[in-house]
Amino acid sequence: MGCGKTSVGQVLAQRLGWSFVDLDQVIVQEAGRSIKEIFAADGEPSFRELEAKVLERVAAGSGQVVSTGGGAVVAPANRAVMHSHGCIVNLTASVETIAQRVSGDSERPLLADDASVVKIRTMLEGREAFYADADVRIDTTGKEIVQVVELVLNYCKGSL
C-alpha cells in the first residue's frame, strides 16, 4: 500500500505493450461492491478467499502486469500462483512515506481506524517474511516512477 504499485504497474505495462490489471479492481467489478464494503459485510477471510480465486484466474493470462493488494502474498497458495506465472516484484517505501501517501484514503479497510506510522510499521513487520519471498524488492522512496520501472525491467528481463 502506498508504494506505487498502480503507478509503476501502469507505466511498466505501457513500456512492455502489455495490459495492466489491478487485482483489487477486478475483485470490485466481480463482487459489485467496494473492498471496504466486502470487508465490512463479509470480513477479511471472505475477502481473502475471493482474492485468491480471482488471482488464480487472472494470473493464468499473459502479456499483463498484475498489481495485487499488499495482503495477497500472505497466503502460500497465492505466492505459489504468482511464482508460477511471472516475476514477483515487491515495491517498498519508508513507513513515513507510506503514511504520507495513504493519508486521507478512506478506502483502505485495514487502515480505516488507524493509519498511523505505528500501525503501518506493525502491519509491514507482520508481512515481512511474505514480502521477502518476492523475486526482487525495490524501495520507491524518493524515486521517480520511470526509475522504478527501469529497475523492474532490469531485474525481471529474463522472465518477461
Protein backbone atom coordinates (compact mmCIF):
# COMPACT_ATOMS: atom_id res chain seq x y z
CA MET A 1 0.00 0.00 0.00
CA GLY A 2 1.26 3.42 -0.89
CA CYS A 3 4.41 2.10 -2.56
CA GLY A 4 3.47 2.86 -6.17
CA LYS A 5 2.09 -0.48 -7.40
CA THR A 6 -0.54 1.12 -9.60
CA SER A 7 1.58 3.98 -10.94
CA VAL A 8 4.62 1.80 -11.63
CA GLY A 9 2.50 -1.07 -12.94
CA GLN A 10 0.69 1.12 -15.45
CA VAL A 11 3.91 2.62 -16.83
CA LEU A 12 5.61 -0.80 -16.89
CA ALA A 13 2.69 -2.31 -18.80
CA GLN A 14 2.79 0.55 -21.29
CA ARG A 15 6.55 0.10 -21.82
CA LEU A 16 6.07 -3.62 -22.45
CA GLY A 17 2.99 -3.17 -24.63
CA TRP A 18 1.03 -5.26 -22.15
CA SER A 19 -2.21 -4.68 -20.28
CA PHE A 20 -2.32 -3.54 -16.67
CA VAL A 21 -4.56 -5.45 -14.27
CA ASP A 22 -5.29 -4.18 -10.78
CA LEU A 23 -6.47 -7.27 -8.90
CA ASP A 24 -8.46 -5.18 -6.42
CA GLN A 25 -10.36 -3.52 -9.28
CA VAL A 26 -11.20 -6.92 -10.76
CA ILE A 27 -12.49 -8.07 -7.37
CA VAL A 28 -14.62 -4.93 -7.02
CA GLN A 29 -16.06 -5.38 -10.53
CA GLU A 30 -16.89 -9.03 -9.95
CA ALA A 31 -18.30 -8.56 -6.44
CA GLY A 32 -20.24 -5.42 -7.35
CA ARG A 33 -19.05 -3.87 -4.09
CA SER A 34 -16.02 -1.96 -2.88
CA ILE A 35 -13.29 -3.76 -0.95
CA LYS A 36 -14.26 -1.71 2.08
CA GLU A 37 -17.85 -2.99 1.72
CA ILE A 38 -16.69 -6.59 1.30
CA PHE A 39 -14.57 -6.33 4.46
CA ALA A 40 -17.44 -4.75 6.41
CA ALA A 41 -20.12 -7.22 5.31
CA ASP A 42 -18.19 -10.47 4.96
CA GLY A 43 -14.92 -9.98 6.87
CA GLU A 44 -11.31 -10.28 5.82
CA PRO A 45 -11.29 -14.12 5.50
CA SER A 46 -14.05 -13.99 2.87
CA PHE A 47 -12.26 -11.22 1.03
CA ARG A 48 -9.00 -13.23 1.03
CA GLU A 49 -10.83 -16.28 -0.35
CA LEU A 50 -12.30 -14.20 -3.18
CA GLU A 51 -8.91 -12.57 -3.77
CA ALA A 52 -7.25 -16.00 -4.13
CA LYS A 53 -9.83 -17.22 -6.65
CA VAL A 54 -9.55 -14.06 -8.76
CA LEU A 55 -5.73 -14.10 -8.57
CA GLU A 56 -5.54 -17.69 -9.80
CA ARG A 57 -7.72 -16.87 -12.80
CA VAL A 58 -6.04 -13.54 -13.62
CA ALA A 59 -2.51 -14.93 -13.26
CA ALA A 60 -3.22 -17.53 -15.93
CA GLY A 61 -3.37 -14.73 -18.51
CA SER A 62 -0.39 -13.50 -20.47
CA GLY A 63 1.01 -10.16 -21.61
CA GLN A 64 -0.05 -8.38 -18.46
CA VAL A 65 1.32 -6.63 -15.40
CA VAL A 66 -0.76 -7.57 -12.36
CA SER A 67 -0.89 -5.41 -9.24
CA THR A 68 -2.13 -7.12 -6.09
CA GLY A 69 -3.09 -5.74 -2.74
CA GLY A 70 -0.39 -5.95 -0.09
CA GLY A 71 -2.10 -8.78 1.79
CA ALA A 72 -2.37 -11.12 -1.20
CA VAL A 73 1.13 -12.51 -0.64
CA VAL A 74 0.36 -13.72 2.87
CA ALA A 75 -1.30 -16.90 1.59
CA PRO A 76 1.26 -19.50 0.45
CA ALA A 77 -1.05 -20.62 -2.38
CA ASN A 78 -1.17 -17.06 -3.73
CA ARG A 79 2.63 -16.79 -3.70
CA ALA A 80 2.88 -20.14 -5.49
CA VAL A 81 0.48 -18.91 -8.18
CA MET A 82 2.46 -15.70 -8.59
CA HIS A 83 5.83 -17.50 -8.77
CA SER A 84 4.50 -19.91 -11.38
CA HIS A 85 3.31 -17.12 -13.67
CA GLY A 86 5.95 -14.40 -13.61
CA CYS A 87 8.40 -12.19 -11.81
CA ILE A 88 7.19 -11.06 -8.39
CA VAL A 89 8.22 -7.50 -7.58
CA ASN A 90 7.73 -6.13 -4.09
CA LEU A 91 7.72 -2.35 -4.04
CA THR A 92 8.61 -0.90 -0.67
CA ALA A 93 8.87 2.56 0.82
CA SER A 94 9.73 4.03 4.18
CA VAL A 95 6.94 3.83 6.72
CA GLU A 96 6.80 7.62 6.83
CA THR A 97 6.44 7.79 3.02
CA ILE A 98 3.66 5.20 3.07
CA ALA A 99 1.83 7.06 5.84
CA GLN A 100 2.03 10.28 3.84
CA ARG A 101 0.84 8.59 0.62
CA VAL A 102 -2.16 6.83 2.20
CA SER A 103 -3.19 9.75 4.39
CA GLY A 104 -6.86 10.56 3.88
CA ASP A 105 -7.59 7.42 1.83
CA SER A 106 -10.74 6.01 3.41
CA GLU A 107 -10.89 3.03 1.04
CA ARG A 108 -8.19 1.02 2.85
CA PRO A 109 -10.12 -1.21 5.26
CA LEU A 110 -7.10 -2.34 7.27
CA LEU A 111 -6.16 1.28 7.96
CA ALA A 112 -9.68 2.68 8.32
CA ASP A 113 -9.45 3.13 12.08
CA ASP A 114 -5.75 3.88 12.31
CA ALA A 115 -3.38 4.95 9.50
CA SER A 116 -0.60 5.93 11.89
CA VAL A 117 3.08 5.24 11.35
CA VAL A 118 2.93 2.74 14.24
CA LYS A 119 0.02 0.80 12.68
CA ILE A 120 1.67 0.76 9.24
CA ARG A 121 5.02 -0.36 10.70
CA THR A 122 3.30 -3.15 12.63
CA MET A 123 1.43 -4.32 9.53
CA LEU A 124 4.59 -4.31 7.42
CA GLU A 125 6.57 -6.16 10.07
CA GLY A 126 3.86 -8.83 10.21
CA ARG A 127 4.10 -9.32 6.45
CA GLU A 128 7.88 -9.01 6.07
CA ALA A 129 8.57 -12.73 5.65
CA PHE A 130 5.98 -12.90 2.87
CA TYR A 131 7.27 -9.79 1.10
CA ALA A 132 10.81 -11.19 1.31
CA ASP A 133 9.69 -14.11 -0.88
CA ALA A 134 9.48 -11.77 -3.91
CA ASP A 135 11.93 -12.19 -6.77
CA VAL A 136 13.03 -8.60 -6.33
CA ARG A 137 12.36 -5.83 -3.84
CA ILE A 138 12.62 -2.18 -4.80
CA ASP A 139 12.44 0.75 -2.41
CA THR A 140 10.46 3.50 -4.14
CA THR A 141 11.20 6.17 -1.51
CA GLY A 142 12.47 9.27 -3.30
CA LYS A 143 12.43 7.60 -6.73
CA GLU A 144 10.54 8.72 -9.82
CA ILE A 145 8.15 6.21 -11.40
CA VAL A 146 10.34 5.83 -14.51
CA GLN A 147 13.36 5.00 -12.33
CA VAL A 148 11.42 2.23 -10.61
CA VAL A 149 10.16 0.91 -13.95
CA GLU A 150 13.75 0.71 -15.24
CA LEU A 151 14.79 -1.21 -12.13
CA VAL A 152 11.92 -3.66 -12.61
CA LEU A 153 12.81 -4.16 -16.27
CA ASN A 154 16.47 -4.76 -15.41
CA TYR A 155 15.70 -7.26 -12.65
CA CYS A 156 12.95 -9.15 -14.47
CA LYS A 157 14.14 -9.02 -18.10
CA GLY A 158 14.90 -12.75 -18.18
CA SER A 159 11.40 -13.69 -17.11
CA LEU A 160 9.36 -11.24 -19.20
